[in-house]
Amino acid sequence: MARSHKEPDDIEQWLAPLSPIELDQFCRRWTPLIYNVNPGNPKYAILSIRLIAKITLKSEKTAKNWFYSSQRVPEDIKKYLGAVDALWRISLTINKIVPSLENPED
């Protein structure tokens, strides 16, 4: 199978994303994929806030404060978002590579 230029070639490229990620970057990547809503859509902010609240187990009020004032986002949350981002990207890649278990090809 030919690799696209976006697929990782080795383990270092998988591990590199485990660094912190800014909240707005995380939201720009995942809110459209999860909710099918892009920045500029009136629902983007509230859905991004809900996503951040769910995955960090923080209140929507806290997530809203972070969303509108990114300098308030604690470093441990940025590291956590970086880990979640890396895991979700790995999951997406695996889902593209591994055949579905529901419809195995014989």
Protein backbone atom coordinates (compact mmCIF):
# COMPACT_ATOMS: atom_id res chain seq x y z
CA MET A 1 0.00 0.00 0.00
CA ALA A 2 1.41 3.39 -0.98
CA ARG A 3 1.74 5.94 1.77
CA SER A 4 0.44 9.46 1.39
CA HIS A 5 2.74 12.25 2.51
CA LYS A 6 0.55 12.79 5.59
CA GLU A 7 0.92 9.28 7.04
CA PRO A 8 3.61 8.76 9.66
CA ASP A 9 6.68 6.83 8.55
CA ASP A 10 7.99 5.81 11.95
CA ILE A 11 7.32 5.76 15.66
CA GLU A 12 8.90 9.19 16.27
CA GLN A 13 6.21 10.80 14.16
CA TRP A 14 3.54 9.05 16.23
CA LEU A 15 5.10 10.21 19.48
CA ALA A 16 5.79 13.81 18.43
CA PRO A 17 2.11 14.85 18.66
CA LEU A 18 2.09 14.06 22.38
CA SER A 19 3.19 17.61 23.01
CA PRO A 20 0.73 20.25 24.22
CA ILE A 21 -1.79 21.64 21.75
CA GLU A 22 -3.60 24.96 21.94
CA LEU A 23 -7.32 24.73 22.63
CA ASP A 24 -8.28 26.63 19.47
CA GLN A 25 -6.17 24.30 17.33
CA PHE A 26 -7.78 21.26 18.97
CA CYS A 27 -11.25 22.69 18.35
CA ARG A 28 -10.49 23.59 14.71
CA ARG A 29 -9.40 20.00 14.11
CA TRP A 30 -12.07 18.06 16.02
CA THR A 31 -15.29 20.12 16.17
CA PRO A 32 -15.79 19.90 12.39
CA LEU A 33 -15.05 16.15 12.38
CA ILE A 34 -17.27 15.32 15.34
CA TYR A 35 -20.16 17.73 14.81
CA ASN A 36 -19.85 18.58 11.10
CA VAL A 37 -19.75 22.29 12.02
CA ASN A 38 -16.96 24.58 10.85
CA PRO A 39 -15.62 27.83 12.35
CA GLY A 40 -17.91 30.63 11.26
CA ASN A 41 -21.02 28.54 11.87
CA PRO A 42 -23.07 30.02 14.74
CA LYS A 43 -23.05 26.62 16.48
CA TYR A 44 -19.26 26.17 16.30
CA ALA A 45 -18.43 27.93 19.58
CA ILE A 46 -21.05 26.20 21.73
CA LEU A 47 -20.24 22.77 20.26
CA SER A 48 -16.51 23.35 20.78
CA ILE A 49 -17.17 24.40 24.37
CA ARG A 50 -19.30 21.30 24.97
CA LEU A 51 -16.60 19.08 23.46
CA ILE A 52 -13.89 20.59 25.67
CA ALA A 53 -16.10 20.31 28.76
CA LYS A 54 -16.86 16.65 28.03
CA ILE A 55 -13.33 15.51 27.42
CA THR A 56 -11.76 17.49 30.28
CA LEU A 57 -14.60 16.75 32.73
CA LYS A 58 -14.79 20.48 33.50
CA SER A 59 -17.88 22.67 33.54
CA GLU A 60 -19.10 24.34 30.38
CA LYS A 61 -18.47 27.67 32.14
CA THR A 62 -14.80 26.78 32.56
CA ALA A 63 -14.55 25.51 28.98
CA LYS A 64 -16.21 28.72 27.75
CA ASN A 65 -13.66 30.84 29.65
CA TRP A 66 -10.85 28.86 28.05
CA PHE A 67 -12.43 29.05 24.59
CA TYR A 68 -12.71 32.84 24.65
CA SER A 69 -9.45 33.49 26.52
CA SER A 70 -6.90 30.89 25.47
CA GLN A 71 -4.16 32.33 27.68
CA ARG A 72 -6.17 31.02 30.65
CA VAL A 73 -5.90 27.39 29.54
CA PRO A 74 -3.69 25.56 32.08
CA GLU A 75 -0.61 23.80 30.72
CA ASP A 76 -1.81 20.42 32.01
CA ILE A 77 -5.01 20.83 29.97
CA LYS A 78 -2.97 21.68 26.87
CA LYS A 79 -0.90 18.52 27.44
CA TYR A 80 -4.07 16.49 27.93
CA LEU A 81 -5.57 17.90 24.71
CA GLY A 82 -2.32 17.02 22.94
CA ALA A 83 -2.60 13.42 24.13
CA VAL A 84 -6.29 13.20 23.16
CA ASP A 85 -5.49 14.71 19.76
CA ALA A 86 -2.73 12.17 19.16
CA LEU A 87 -4.91 9.22 20.21
CA TRP A 88 -7.84 10.35 18.08
CA ARG A 89 -5.58 10.87 15.04
CA ILE A 90 -4.08 7.41 15.54
CA SER A 91 -7.60 5.98 15.82
CA LEU A 92 -8.65 7.66 12.56
CA THR A 93 -5.58 6.30 10.80
CA ILE A 94 -6.17 2.78 12.11
CA ASN A 95 -9.81 2.94 11.02
CA LYS A 96 -8.64 3.79 7.49
CA ILE A 97 -6.13 0.93 7.41
CA VAL A 98 -7.86 -1.93 9.23
CA PRO A 99 -10.92 -3.48 7.57
CA SER A 100 -14.17 -3.09 9.44
CA LEU A 101 -14.84 -5.93 11.86
CA GLU A 102 -18.54 -5.77 10.97
CA ASN A 103 -17.90 -6.46 7.28
CA PRO A 104 -14.79 -8.64 7.07
CA GLU A 105 -13.54 -9.37 3.59
CA ASP A 106 -13.05 -13.07 2.88
